[in-house]
N, C-alpha and C. Protein backbone atom coordinates (compact mmCIF):
# COMPACT_ATOMS: atom_id res chain seq x y z
N MET A 1 137.54 9.83 -96.23
CA MET A 1 137.52 9.12 -97.50
C MET A 1 138.51 7.96 -97.41
N GLY A 2 138.06 6.76 -97.65
CA GLY A 2 138.93 5.58 -97.55
C GLY A 2 139.77 5.43 -98.79
N ARG A 3 140.85 4.67 -98.62
CA ARG A 3 141.74 4.42 -99.74
C ARG A 3 141.18 3.29 -100.61
N ALA A 4 141.15 3.52 -101.91
CA ALA A 4 140.64 2.49 -102.82
C ALA A 4 141.59 1.34 -102.89
N THR A 5 141.10 0.13 -102.73
CA THR A 5 141.94 -1.05 -102.84
C THR A 5 141.49 -1.86 -104.03
N LYS A 6 142.48 -2.46 -104.66
CA LYS A 6 142.22 -3.29 -105.81
C LYS A 6 141.92 -4.70 -105.37
N PRO A 7 140.92 -5.36 -105.89
CA PRO A 7 140.67 -6.74 -105.51
C PRO A 7 141.81 -7.66 -105.94
N LEU A 8 142.10 -8.64 -105.08
CA LEU A 8 143.16 -9.58 -105.43
C LEU A 8 142.80 -10.41 -106.66
N GLN A 9 143.80 -10.70 -107.44
CA GLN A 9 143.60 -11.47 -108.65
C GLN A 9 143.29 -12.92 -108.31
N ALA A 10 142.48 -13.57 -109.14
CA ALA A 10 142.21 -14.99 -108.92
C ALA A 10 143.49 -15.78 -109.02
N ARG A 11 143.60 -16.82 -108.18
CA ARG A 11 144.82 -17.60 -108.16
C ARG A 11 145.08 -18.30 -109.48
N LYS A 12 146.30 -18.19 -109.98
CA LYS A 12 146.68 -18.87 -111.21
C LYS A 12 147.01 -20.32 -110.85
N ARG A 13 146.55 -21.22 -111.69
CA ARG A 13 146.81 -22.65 -111.47
C ARG A 13 147.96 -23.11 -112.33
N TRP A 14 148.69 -24.07 -111.86
CA TRP A 14 149.76 -24.73 -112.63
C TRP A 14 149.50 -26.22 -112.56
N THR A 15 149.19 -26.82 -113.71
CA THR A 15 148.85 -28.24 -113.74
C THR A 15 149.99 -29.10 -114.24
N GLY A 16 151.09 -28.47 -114.73
CA GLY A 16 152.20 -29.22 -115.23
C GLY A 16 153.17 -29.61 -114.15
N GLY A 17 154.28 -30.22 -114.58
CA GLY A 17 155.33 -30.61 -113.61
C GLY A 17 156.41 -29.56 -113.55
N GLU A 18 157.52 -29.91 -112.97
CA GLU A 18 158.66 -29.01 -112.85
C GLU A 18 159.36 -28.87 -114.21
N ILE A 19 159.86 -27.67 -114.48
CA ILE A 19 160.62 -27.40 -115.71
C ILE A 19 161.90 -26.74 -115.29
N ASP A 20 163.00 -27.18 -115.86
CA ASP A 20 164.27 -26.56 -115.55
C ASP A 20 165.12 -26.44 -116.84
N ALA A 21 164.76 -25.52 -117.67
CA ALA A 21 165.52 -25.27 -118.92
C ALA A 21 166.76 -24.46 -118.58
N ASP A 22 167.84 -24.79 -119.28
CA ASP A 22 169.12 -24.14 -119.00
C ASP A 22 169.34 -22.95 -119.95
N PRO A 23 169.43 -21.72 -119.40
CA PRO A 23 169.59 -20.57 -120.28
C PRO A 23 170.94 -20.47 -120.95
N PHE A 24 171.93 -21.25 -120.44
CA PHE A 24 173.29 -21.18 -121.00
C PHE A 24 173.55 -22.20 -122.10
N MET A 25 172.54 -23.01 -122.41
CA MET A 25 172.67 -23.99 -123.49
C MET A 25 171.54 -23.82 -124.48
N LEU A 26 171.51 -22.71 -125.18
CA LEU A 26 170.47 -22.44 -126.16
C LEU A 26 170.85 -23.07 -127.49
N PRO A 27 169.88 -23.53 -128.30
CA PRO A 27 168.45 -23.47 -128.04
C PRO A 27 167.98 -24.53 -127.06
N GLN A 28 166.91 -24.17 -126.27
CA GLN A 28 166.34 -25.06 -125.28
C GLN A 28 164.94 -25.49 -125.76
N ARG A 29 164.69 -26.80 -125.62
CA ARG A 29 163.34 -27.34 -126.03
C ARG A 29 162.58 -27.61 -124.76
N ILE A 30 161.33 -27.08 -124.69
CA ILE A 30 160.52 -27.20 -123.49
C ILE A 30 159.14 -27.74 -123.88
N THR A 31 158.63 -28.66 -123.11
CA THR A 31 157.28 -29.18 -123.30
C THR A 31 156.41 -28.73 -122.14
N ILE A 32 155.31 -28.06 -122.45
CA ILE A 32 154.44 -27.45 -121.42
C ILE A 32 152.99 -27.91 -121.65
N ARG A 33 152.39 -28.47 -120.61
CA ARG A 33 150.98 -28.81 -120.71
C ARG A 33 150.12 -27.56 -120.52
N ALA A 34 148.97 -27.52 -121.19
CA ALA A 34 148.10 -26.36 -121.10
C ALA A 34 147.52 -26.20 -119.70
N ASN A 35 147.40 -24.94 -119.24
CA ASN A 35 146.85 -24.65 -117.91
C ASN A 35 145.39 -24.27 -117.96
N GLU A 36 144.94 -23.63 -119.06
CA GLU A 36 143.55 -23.21 -119.16
C GLU A 36 142.64 -24.42 -119.31
N THR A 37 141.48 -24.33 -118.69
CA THR A 37 140.56 -25.49 -118.70
C THR A 37 140.16 -25.90 -120.10
N MET A 38 139.79 -24.92 -120.96
CA MET A 38 139.38 -25.25 -122.31
C MET A 38 140.50 -25.90 -123.13
N HIS A 39 141.70 -25.39 -122.96
CA HIS A 39 142.85 -25.95 -123.67
C HIS A 39 143.18 -27.35 -123.17
N ARG A 40 142.99 -27.58 -121.87
CA ARG A 40 143.21 -28.94 -121.36
C ARG A 40 142.18 -29.90 -121.92
N LEU A 41 140.95 -29.45 -122.08
CA LEU A 41 139.90 -30.36 -122.63
C LEU A 41 140.24 -30.80 -124.05
N PHE A 42 140.90 -29.92 -124.83
CA PHE A 42 141.28 -30.29 -126.16
C PHE A 42 142.66 -30.93 -126.20
N GLY A 43 143.30 -31.12 -125.07
CA GLY A 43 144.56 -31.84 -125.00
C GLY A 43 145.75 -31.08 -125.52
N PHE A 44 145.75 -29.75 -125.41
CA PHE A 44 146.85 -28.97 -125.96
C PHE A 44 148.15 -29.18 -125.18
N ILE A 45 149.24 -29.33 -125.91
CA ILE A 45 150.56 -29.38 -125.35
C ILE A 45 151.42 -28.44 -126.16
N ARG A 46 152.20 -27.59 -125.49
CA ARG A 46 153.08 -26.63 -126.19
C ARG A 46 154.50 -27.20 -126.24
N TYR A 47 155.03 -27.24 -127.45
CA TYR A 47 156.42 -27.61 -127.69
C TYR A 47 157.14 -26.36 -128.12
N ALA A 48 157.96 -25.79 -127.23
CA ALA A 48 158.60 -24.51 -127.52
C ALA A 48 160.11 -24.70 -127.63
N VAL A 49 160.70 -23.93 -128.54
CA VAL A 49 162.17 -23.93 -128.70
C VAL A 49 162.60 -22.50 -128.47
N ILE A 50 163.44 -22.29 -127.44
CA ILE A 50 163.90 -20.95 -127.07
C ILE A 50 165.26 -20.74 -127.70
N HIS A 51 165.37 -19.80 -128.60
CA HIS A 51 166.66 -19.37 -129.18
C HIS A 51 167.05 -18.05 -128.53
N SER A 52 168.26 -17.62 -128.80
CA SER A 52 168.73 -16.33 -128.22
C SER A 52 167.98 -15.13 -128.82
N ASP A 53 167.44 -15.29 -130.02
CA ASP A 53 166.80 -14.16 -130.71
C ASP A 53 165.34 -14.39 -131.05
N ALA A 54 164.79 -15.56 -130.74
CA ALA A 54 163.39 -15.85 -131.10
C ALA A 54 162.87 -17.03 -130.32
N VAL A 55 161.54 -17.12 -130.29
CA VAL A 55 160.83 -18.26 -129.71
C VAL A 55 160.00 -18.89 -130.81
N LYS A 56 160.19 -20.19 -131.01
CA LYS A 56 159.40 -20.94 -132.00
C LYS A 56 158.66 -22.01 -131.26
N ALA A 57 157.33 -22.10 -131.51
CA ALA A 57 156.52 -23.01 -130.73
C ALA A 57 155.45 -23.65 -131.61
N THR A 58 154.99 -24.81 -131.11
CA THR A 58 153.86 -25.53 -131.74
C THR A 58 152.88 -25.86 -130.63
N ASP A 59 151.67 -25.36 -130.69
CA ASP A 59 150.60 -25.74 -129.76
C ASP A 59 149.84 -26.87 -130.43
N SER A 60 150.03 -28.07 -129.93
CA SER A 60 149.52 -29.25 -130.60
C SER A 60 148.33 -29.84 -129.81
N SER A 61 147.26 -30.16 -130.52
CA SER A 61 146.08 -30.79 -129.96
C SER A 61 145.75 -32.03 -130.79
N PRO A 62 145.43 -33.16 -130.14
CA PRO A 62 145.04 -34.34 -130.94
C PRO A 62 143.70 -34.16 -131.64
N ILE A 63 142.89 -33.18 -131.21
CA ILE A 63 141.56 -32.95 -131.81
C ILE A 63 141.64 -31.85 -132.87
N LEU A 64 142.26 -30.73 -132.55
CA LEU A 64 142.28 -29.55 -133.44
C LEU A 64 143.55 -29.48 -134.30
N GLY A 65 144.54 -30.31 -134.00
CA GLY A 65 145.74 -30.29 -134.81
C GLY A 65 146.78 -29.30 -134.28
N PRO A 66 147.87 -29.09 -135.01
CA PRO A 66 148.94 -28.18 -134.55
C PRO A 66 148.71 -26.73 -134.95
N PHE A 67 149.12 -25.84 -134.07
CA PHE A 67 149.15 -24.38 -134.36
C PHE A 67 150.58 -23.93 -134.17
N ILE A 68 151.23 -23.54 -135.26
CA ILE A 68 152.64 -23.17 -135.23
C ILE A 68 152.77 -21.66 -135.22
N TRP A 69 153.61 -21.14 -134.33
CA TRP A 69 153.85 -19.70 -134.29
C TRP A 69 155.29 -19.47 -133.85
N ASP A 70 155.76 -18.28 -134.14
CA ASP A 70 157.10 -17.86 -133.71
C ASP A 70 157.08 -16.36 -133.45
N GLU A 71 157.89 -15.96 -132.51
CA GLU A 71 157.99 -14.54 -132.12
C GLU A 71 159.45 -14.13 -131.96
N PRO A 72 159.84 -12.94 -132.41
CA PRO A 72 161.19 -12.48 -132.13
C PRO A 72 161.33 -12.13 -130.65
N MET A 73 162.56 -12.18 -130.13
CA MET A 73 162.75 -11.88 -128.74
C MET A 73 162.41 -10.43 -128.40
N SER A 74 162.46 -9.56 -129.40
CA SER A 74 162.08 -8.18 -129.16
C SER A 74 160.61 -7.99 -128.84
N ALA A 75 159.77 -8.98 -129.14
CA ALA A 75 158.35 -8.91 -128.88
C ALA A 75 158.03 -9.21 -127.40
N TYR A 76 159.03 -9.60 -126.64
CA TYR A 76 158.80 -9.96 -125.23
C TYR A 76 159.17 -8.80 -124.31
N ARG A 77 158.29 -8.61 -123.33
CA ARG A 77 158.42 -7.47 -122.41
C ARG A 77 159.54 -7.72 -121.40
N GLY A 78 159.74 -8.96 -120.98
CA GLY A 78 160.78 -9.26 -120.01
C GLY A 78 160.64 -10.65 -119.48
N VAL A 79 161.47 -10.97 -118.48
CA VAL A 79 161.44 -12.27 -117.81
C VAL A 79 160.84 -12.06 -116.43
N ALA A 80 159.69 -12.68 -116.17
CA ALA A 80 158.92 -12.45 -114.94
C ALA A 80 159.07 -13.57 -113.96
N LEU A 81 159.13 -13.22 -112.68
CA LEU A 81 159.10 -14.19 -111.58
C LEU A 81 157.67 -14.13 -111.01
N ARG A 82 156.96 -15.28 -111.11
CA ARG A 82 155.54 -15.31 -110.73
C ARG A 82 155.29 -16.51 -109.81
N VAL A 83 154.13 -16.45 -109.17
CA VAL A 83 153.68 -17.53 -108.27
C VAL A 83 152.37 -18.09 -108.79
N ALA A 84 152.27 -19.41 -108.89
CA ALA A 84 151.01 -20.11 -109.23
C ALA A 84 150.78 -21.16 -108.16
N TRP A 85 149.67 -21.90 -108.30
CA TRP A 85 149.29 -22.86 -107.26
C TRP A 85 148.88 -24.18 -107.91
N ARG A 86 149.25 -25.26 -107.21
CA ARG A 86 148.92 -26.60 -107.73
C ARG A 86 147.53 -27.05 -107.33
N ASP A 87 146.92 -26.37 -106.34
CA ASP A 87 145.55 -26.73 -105.95
C ASP A 87 144.75 -25.47 -105.74
N ALA A 88 143.43 -25.62 -105.64
CA ALA A 88 142.53 -24.46 -105.53
C ALA A 88 142.67 -23.77 -104.18
N LYS A 89 143.11 -24.47 -103.15
CA LYS A 89 143.21 -23.88 -101.80
C LYS A 89 144.41 -22.96 -101.66
N GLY A 90 145.39 -23.07 -102.59
CA GLY A 90 146.58 -22.25 -102.48
C GLY A 90 147.56 -22.73 -101.46
N ALA A 91 147.55 -24.05 -101.18
CA ALA A 91 148.49 -24.59 -100.18
C ALA A 91 149.80 -25.05 -100.81
N LYS A 92 149.81 -25.25 -102.11
CA LYS A 92 151.01 -25.76 -102.79
C LYS A 92 151.46 -24.78 -103.84
N PRO A 93 152.38 -23.87 -103.50
CA PRO A 93 152.81 -22.87 -104.50
C PRO A 93 153.79 -23.43 -105.50
N VAL A 94 153.82 -22.82 -106.66
CA VAL A 94 154.77 -23.11 -107.71
C VAL A 94 155.42 -21.80 -108.13
N ILE A 95 156.73 -21.73 -108.16
CA ILE A 95 157.43 -20.55 -108.58
C ILE A 95 157.74 -20.68 -110.05
N LEU A 96 157.32 -19.69 -110.85
CA LEU A 96 157.47 -19.73 -112.28
C LEU A 96 158.40 -18.61 -112.75
N VAL A 97 159.21 -18.96 -113.76
CA VAL A 97 159.97 -17.95 -114.52
C VAL A 97 159.40 -17.96 -115.91
N GLN A 98 158.87 -16.83 -116.37
CA GLN A 98 158.13 -16.78 -117.61
C GLN A 98 158.60 -15.65 -118.51
N LEU A 99 158.74 -15.98 -119.83
CA LEU A 99 158.98 -14.94 -120.82
C LEU A 99 157.64 -14.32 -121.13
N VAL A 100 157.47 -13.05 -120.79
CA VAL A 100 156.17 -12.39 -120.90
C VAL A 100 156.10 -11.63 -122.22
N HIS A 101 155.11 -11.98 -123.03
CA HIS A 101 154.91 -11.29 -124.31
C HIS A 101 154.35 -9.91 -124.05
N ALA A 102 154.76 -8.95 -124.87
CA ALA A 102 154.34 -7.57 -124.62
C ALA A 102 152.88 -7.33 -124.93
N THR A 103 152.32 -8.02 -125.94
CA THR A 103 150.94 -7.74 -126.36
C THR A 103 150.02 -8.95 -126.30
N ASP A 104 150.55 -10.17 -126.46
CA ASP A 104 149.70 -11.38 -126.53
C ASP A 104 150.12 -12.32 -125.42
N GLU A 105 149.31 -12.39 -124.39
CA GLU A 105 149.63 -13.24 -123.26
C GLU A 105 149.67 -14.73 -123.64
N ARG A 106 148.97 -15.11 -124.71
CA ARG A 106 148.96 -16.51 -125.14
C ARG A 106 150.33 -16.96 -125.63
N HIS A 107 151.18 -16.03 -126.00
CA HIS A 107 152.50 -16.38 -126.49
C HIS A 107 153.59 -16.23 -125.41
N SER A 108 153.18 -16.04 -124.18
CA SER A 108 154.13 -16.08 -123.07
C SER A 108 154.54 -17.54 -122.81
N VAL A 109 155.81 -17.73 -122.44
CA VAL A 109 156.32 -19.08 -122.31
C VAL A 109 156.99 -19.25 -120.95
N VAL A 110 156.63 -20.31 -120.22
CA VAL A 110 157.26 -20.63 -118.95
C VAL A 110 158.55 -21.38 -119.24
N VAL A 111 159.67 -20.88 -118.73
CA VAL A 111 160.97 -21.51 -118.96
C VAL A 111 161.51 -22.23 -117.71
N HIS A 112 160.84 -21.98 -116.55
CA HIS A 112 161.29 -22.62 -115.32
C HIS A 112 160.06 -22.72 -114.39
N ALA A 113 159.86 -23.91 -113.81
CA ALA A 113 158.81 -24.11 -112.81
C ALA A 113 159.41 -24.95 -111.70
N SER A 114 159.30 -24.44 -110.46
CA SER A 114 159.88 -25.10 -109.32
C SER A 114 158.89 -25.23 -108.18
N PHE A 115 158.80 -26.43 -107.62
CA PHE A 115 157.90 -26.65 -106.48
C PHE A 115 158.54 -26.23 -105.15
N ASP A 116 159.85 -26.21 -105.06
CA ASP A 116 160.49 -25.88 -103.79
C ASP A 116 161.20 -24.52 -103.84
N GLY A 117 161.28 -23.88 -105.03
CA GLY A 117 161.88 -22.56 -105.12
C GLY A 117 163.39 -22.55 -105.10
N ALA A 118 164.04 -23.72 -105.14
CA ALA A 118 165.48 -23.77 -105.11
C ALA A 118 166.09 -23.23 -106.39
N ASP A 119 167.03 -22.33 -106.24
CA ASP A 119 167.75 -21.74 -107.38
C ASP A 119 166.87 -20.99 -108.34
N VAL A 120 165.63 -20.64 -107.98
CA VAL A 120 164.76 -19.98 -108.93
C VAL A 120 165.22 -18.54 -109.19
N ALA A 121 165.77 -17.85 -108.20
CA ALA A 121 166.26 -16.47 -108.41
C ALA A 121 167.44 -16.47 -109.36
N ALA A 122 168.33 -17.48 -109.23
CA ALA A 122 169.47 -17.56 -110.10
C ALA A 122 169.04 -17.83 -111.53
N ARG A 123 168.05 -18.74 -111.71
CA ARG A 123 167.54 -19.03 -113.05
C ARG A 123 166.87 -17.79 -113.65
N TRP A 124 166.12 -17.09 -112.85
CA TRP A 124 165.40 -15.87 -113.31
C TRP A 124 166.41 -14.84 -113.84
N ARG A 125 167.44 -14.59 -113.05
CA ARG A 125 168.45 -13.59 -113.45
C ARG A 125 169.27 -14.10 -114.65
N SER A 126 169.51 -15.37 -114.70
CA SER A 126 170.29 -15.91 -115.81
C SER A 126 169.52 -15.81 -117.14
N TRP A 127 168.23 -16.10 -117.10
CA TRP A 127 167.41 -15.95 -118.32
C TRP A 127 167.36 -14.49 -118.77
N GLY A 128 167.20 -13.58 -117.84
CA GLY A 128 167.19 -12.16 -118.21
C GLY A 128 168.51 -11.70 -118.81
N ARG A 129 169.61 -12.15 -118.22
CA ARG A 129 170.92 -11.75 -118.72
C ARG A 129 171.20 -12.39 -120.07
N THR A 130 170.87 -13.69 -120.25
CA THR A 130 171.16 -14.38 -121.52
C THR A 130 170.35 -13.83 -122.67
N LEU A 131 169.08 -13.51 -122.42
CA LEU A 131 168.22 -13.02 -123.48
C LEU A 131 168.20 -11.50 -123.59
N ALA A 132 168.94 -10.82 -122.70
CA ALA A 132 168.97 -9.35 -122.68
C ALA A 132 167.61 -8.75 -122.52
N LEU A 133 166.79 -9.32 -121.59
CA LEU A 133 165.44 -8.83 -121.31
C LEU A 133 165.39 -8.31 -119.88
N PRO A 134 164.58 -7.29 -119.60
CA PRO A 134 164.48 -6.78 -118.22
C PRO A 134 163.82 -7.79 -117.29
N LEU A 135 164.16 -7.72 -115.99
CA LEU A 135 163.59 -8.59 -114.99
C LEU A 135 162.30 -7.96 -114.45
N LEU A 136 161.25 -8.78 -114.29
CA LEU A 136 159.96 -8.34 -113.81
C LEU A 136 159.56 -9.14 -112.59
N LEU A 137 158.83 -8.49 -111.68
CA LEU A 137 158.27 -9.16 -110.49
C LEU A 137 156.76 -8.98 -110.47
N GLU A 138 156.08 -10.02 -110.07
CA GLU A 138 154.61 -9.94 -109.96
C GLU A 138 154.21 -9.54 -108.55
N ASP A 139 153.36 -8.52 -108.41
CA ASP A 139 152.91 -8.11 -107.11
C ASP A 139 151.63 -8.85 -106.70
N ARG A 140 151.02 -8.46 -105.56
CA ARG A 140 149.84 -9.16 -105.06
C ARG A 140 148.63 -9.05 -105.97
N GLU A 141 148.55 -7.96 -106.71
CA GLU A 141 147.43 -7.79 -107.63
C GLU A 141 147.65 -8.47 -108.97
N GLY A 142 148.80 -9.12 -109.15
CA GLY A 142 149.08 -9.77 -110.41
C GLY A 142 149.70 -8.88 -111.45
N GLU A 143 150.02 -7.62 -111.06
CA GLU A 143 150.68 -6.70 -111.99
C GLU A 143 152.18 -6.94 -111.99
N LEU A 144 152.79 -6.75 -113.15
CA LEU A 144 154.25 -6.94 -113.27
C LEU A 144 154.96 -5.59 -113.10
N GLN A 145 155.93 -5.58 -112.23
CA GLN A 145 156.72 -4.40 -111.95
C GLN A 145 158.18 -4.68 -112.31
N ALA A 146 158.89 -3.66 -112.73
CA ALA A 146 160.31 -3.82 -113.04
C ALA A 146 161.07 -4.08 -111.78
N ALA A 147 161.94 -5.09 -111.78
CA ALA A 147 162.73 -5.42 -110.61
C ALA A 147 163.98 -4.54 -110.48
N GLU A 148 164.40 -3.94 -111.59
CA GLU A 148 165.58 -3.09 -111.58
C GLU A 148 165.27 -1.80 -112.34
N ARG A 149 165.89 -0.73 -111.91
CA ARG A 149 165.78 0.52 -112.68
C ARG A 149 166.83 0.53 -113.74
N ARG A 150 166.46 0.87 -114.97
CA ARG A 150 167.36 0.81 -116.09
C ARG A 150 167.31 2.09 -116.92
N LEU A 151 168.43 2.39 -117.52
CA LEU A 151 168.55 3.49 -118.51
C LEU A 151 169.07 2.84 -119.77
N GLY A 152 168.16 2.43 -120.66
CA GLY A 152 168.56 1.67 -121.81
C GLY A 152 169.02 0.28 -121.35
N SER A 153 170.24 -0.11 -121.67
CA SER A 153 170.77 -1.41 -121.26
C SER A 153 171.55 -1.32 -119.96
N LEU A 154 171.67 -0.09 -119.39
CA LEU A 154 172.42 0.08 -118.14
C LEU A 154 171.51 -0.02 -116.93
N ARG A 155 171.94 -0.73 -115.92
CA ARG A 155 171.18 -0.85 -114.68
C ARG A 155 171.57 0.34 -113.80
N ILE A 156 170.55 0.98 -113.19
CA ILE A 156 170.79 2.13 -112.35
C ILE A 156 170.57 1.73 -110.90
N ASP A 157 171.57 1.95 -110.07
CA ASP A 157 171.44 1.67 -108.65
C ASP A 157 171.23 2.96 -107.87
N THR A 158 170.78 2.83 -106.64
CA THR A 158 170.60 4.00 -105.76
C THR A 158 171.96 4.61 -105.46
N PRO A 159 172.12 5.94 -105.58
CA PRO A 159 173.40 6.57 -105.27
C PRO A 159 173.82 6.31 -103.83
N GLN A 160 175.06 6.01 -103.63
CA GLN A 160 175.58 5.73 -102.31
C GLN A 160 176.30 6.97 -101.80
N PRO A 161 176.15 7.30 -100.47
CA PRO A 161 176.86 8.46 -99.95
C PRO A 161 178.38 8.26 -99.95
N HIS A 162 179.08 9.37 -100.15
CA HIS A 162 180.55 9.30 -100.15
C HIS A 162 181.04 9.08 -98.74
N ALA A 163 182.09 8.27 -98.60
CA ALA A 163 182.59 7.95 -97.26
C ALA A 163 183.29 9.13 -96.58
N GLY A 164 183.66 10.16 -97.36
CA GLY A 164 184.36 11.27 -96.76
C GLY A 164 185.86 11.08 -96.79
N ALA A 165 186.57 12.14 -96.47
CA ALA A 165 188.03 12.09 -96.53
C ALA A 165 188.56 11.32 -95.35
N ASN A 166 189.57 10.55 -95.62
CA ASN A 166 190.25 9.80 -94.58
C ASN A 166 191.32 10.73 -93.96
N PRO A 167 191.39 10.82 -92.64
CA PRO A 167 192.42 11.73 -92.05
C PRO A 167 193.84 11.33 -92.41
N LEU A 168 194.05 10.09 -92.80
CA LEU A 168 195.38 9.64 -93.19
C LEU A 168 195.66 9.78 -94.69
N SER A 169 194.66 10.29 -95.42
CA SER A 169 194.84 10.34 -96.89
C SER A 169 195.87 11.36 -97.32
N ALA A 170 196.22 12.34 -96.45
CA ALA A 170 197.21 13.36 -96.81
C ALA A 170 198.62 12.77 -96.76
N ARG A 171 198.82 11.64 -96.03
CA ARG A 171 200.13 11.04 -95.97
C ARG A 171 200.42 10.28 -97.23
N ARG A 172 201.64 10.33 -97.67
CA ARG A 172 202.04 9.57 -98.84
C ARG A 172 202.32 8.13 -98.42
N PRO A 173 202.04 7.17 -99.26
CA PRO A 173 202.32 5.78 -98.90
C PRO A 173 203.81 5.54 -98.77
N MET A 174 204.19 4.49 -98.08
CA MET A 174 205.59 4.16 -97.85
C MET A 174 206.33 3.85 -99.15
N ALA A 175 205.60 3.57 -100.22
CA ALA A 175 206.26 3.31 -101.50
C ALA A 175 207.04 4.51 -101.99
N PHE A 176 206.69 5.72 -101.51
CA PHE A 176 207.39 6.91 -101.93
C PHE A 176 208.65 7.14 -101.09
N GLY A 177 208.90 6.33 -100.10
CA GLY A 177 210.05 6.51 -99.26
C GLY A 177 209.74 7.29 -98.01
N VAL A 178 210.70 7.33 -97.12
CA VAL A 178 210.49 7.99 -95.82
C VAL A 178 210.33 9.48 -95.99
N THR A 179 210.97 10.06 -97.05
CA THR A 179 210.92 11.49 -97.24
C THR A 179 209.52 11.94 -97.64
N GLY A 180 208.69 11.07 -98.16
CA GLY A 180 207.37 11.46 -98.59
C GLY A 180 207.35 12.13 -99.95
N ARG A 181 208.50 12.19 -100.59
CA ARG A 181 208.55 12.80 -101.91
C ARG A 181 208.26 11.75 -102.99
N PRO A 182 207.72 12.16 -104.11
CA PRO A 182 207.54 11.21 -105.22
C PRO A 182 208.91 10.78 -105.74
N ARG A 183 208.91 9.65 -106.44
CA ARG A 183 210.17 9.10 -106.93
C ARG A 183 210.85 10.02 -107.94
N HIS A 184 210.09 10.79 -108.71
CA HIS A 184 210.66 11.66 -109.72
C HIS A 184 210.61 13.11 -109.24
N TRP A 185 211.33 13.39 -108.16
CA TRP A 185 211.33 14.75 -107.67
C TRP A 185 212.32 15.61 -108.48
N PRO A 186 212.25 16.94 -108.36
CA PRO A 186 213.03 17.81 -109.23
C PRO A 186 214.55 17.60 -109.14
N GLN A 187 215.09 17.28 -107.94
CA GLN A 187 216.52 17.11 -107.79
C GLN A 187 217.01 15.97 -108.66
N ARG A 188 216.17 14.93 -108.81
CA ARG A 188 216.62 13.80 -109.60
C ARG A 188 216.66 14.17 -111.09
N LEU A 189 215.83 15.13 -111.50
CA LEU A 189 215.78 15.51 -112.90
C LEU A 189 216.88 16.52 -113.28
N THR A 190 217.43 17.21 -112.27
CA THR A 190 218.48 18.17 -112.60
C THR A 190 219.84 17.46 -112.66
N ALA A 191 220.65 17.89 -113.58
CA ALA A 191 221.94 17.21 -113.79
C ALA A 191 222.85 17.49 -112.60
N GLY A 192 223.53 16.47 -112.15
CA GLY A 192 224.49 16.63 -111.09
C GLY A 192 223.92 16.62 -109.70
N ALA A 193 222.58 16.65 -109.54
CA ALA A 193 222.00 16.65 -108.20
C ALA A 193 221.95 15.24 -107.66
N ARG A 194 222.31 15.11 -106.39
CA ARG A 194 222.31 13.78 -105.81
C ARG A 194 221.10 13.67 -104.86
N PRO A 195 220.19 12.71 -105.09
CA PRO A 195 219.04 12.61 -104.20
C PRO A 195 219.45 12.16 -102.81
N PRO A 196 218.74 12.69 -101.80
CA PRO A 196 219.08 12.24 -100.44
C PRO A 196 218.76 10.76 -100.23
N ALA A 197 219.55 10.13 -99.41
CA ALA A 197 219.33 8.70 -99.17
C ALA A 197 218.05 8.53 -98.37
N TYR A 198 217.41 7.37 -98.55
CA TYR A 198 216.16 7.10 -97.83
C TYR A 198 216.45 6.81 -96.37
């Protein structure tokens, strides 16, 4: 019995230019051209404003007019690192950082687009940290996977093995003196006792 394989997702296209919004200077205003063919025919352009707690946007078309919407930041599933293509052959990749909506993909917003991939990982992590959203990675099938294991707001790392006892750990540091006794030994606490010289 062969292993079932999922067909690869159709290549996502990116028809806009580079975007480099700064997550440390909110609110950020971003202008994004539509990628879907039907939306491009109607001339849609998205004007989005990213706040620390919400996304407010206007999808404007010269034919159909403006469509205004806003979403709280809690409606977003996370900050995803994705790959799109500038041509149908897949020879020119674009690295995208996108705020992924939990239920409505149409309200997902690209906050960073890079043709050379420079600093994209730093931008991805910075957006996740600034907006307090989990980091997501896109796999070959186009599914989003969590990039980090979390327990609530805490990041969980793989447990590291203990290094074991150091054979020199039984020795007291030189700060205690040559005698190896602590500074507050019993003789010093008893009246009239004279501590031995170091």
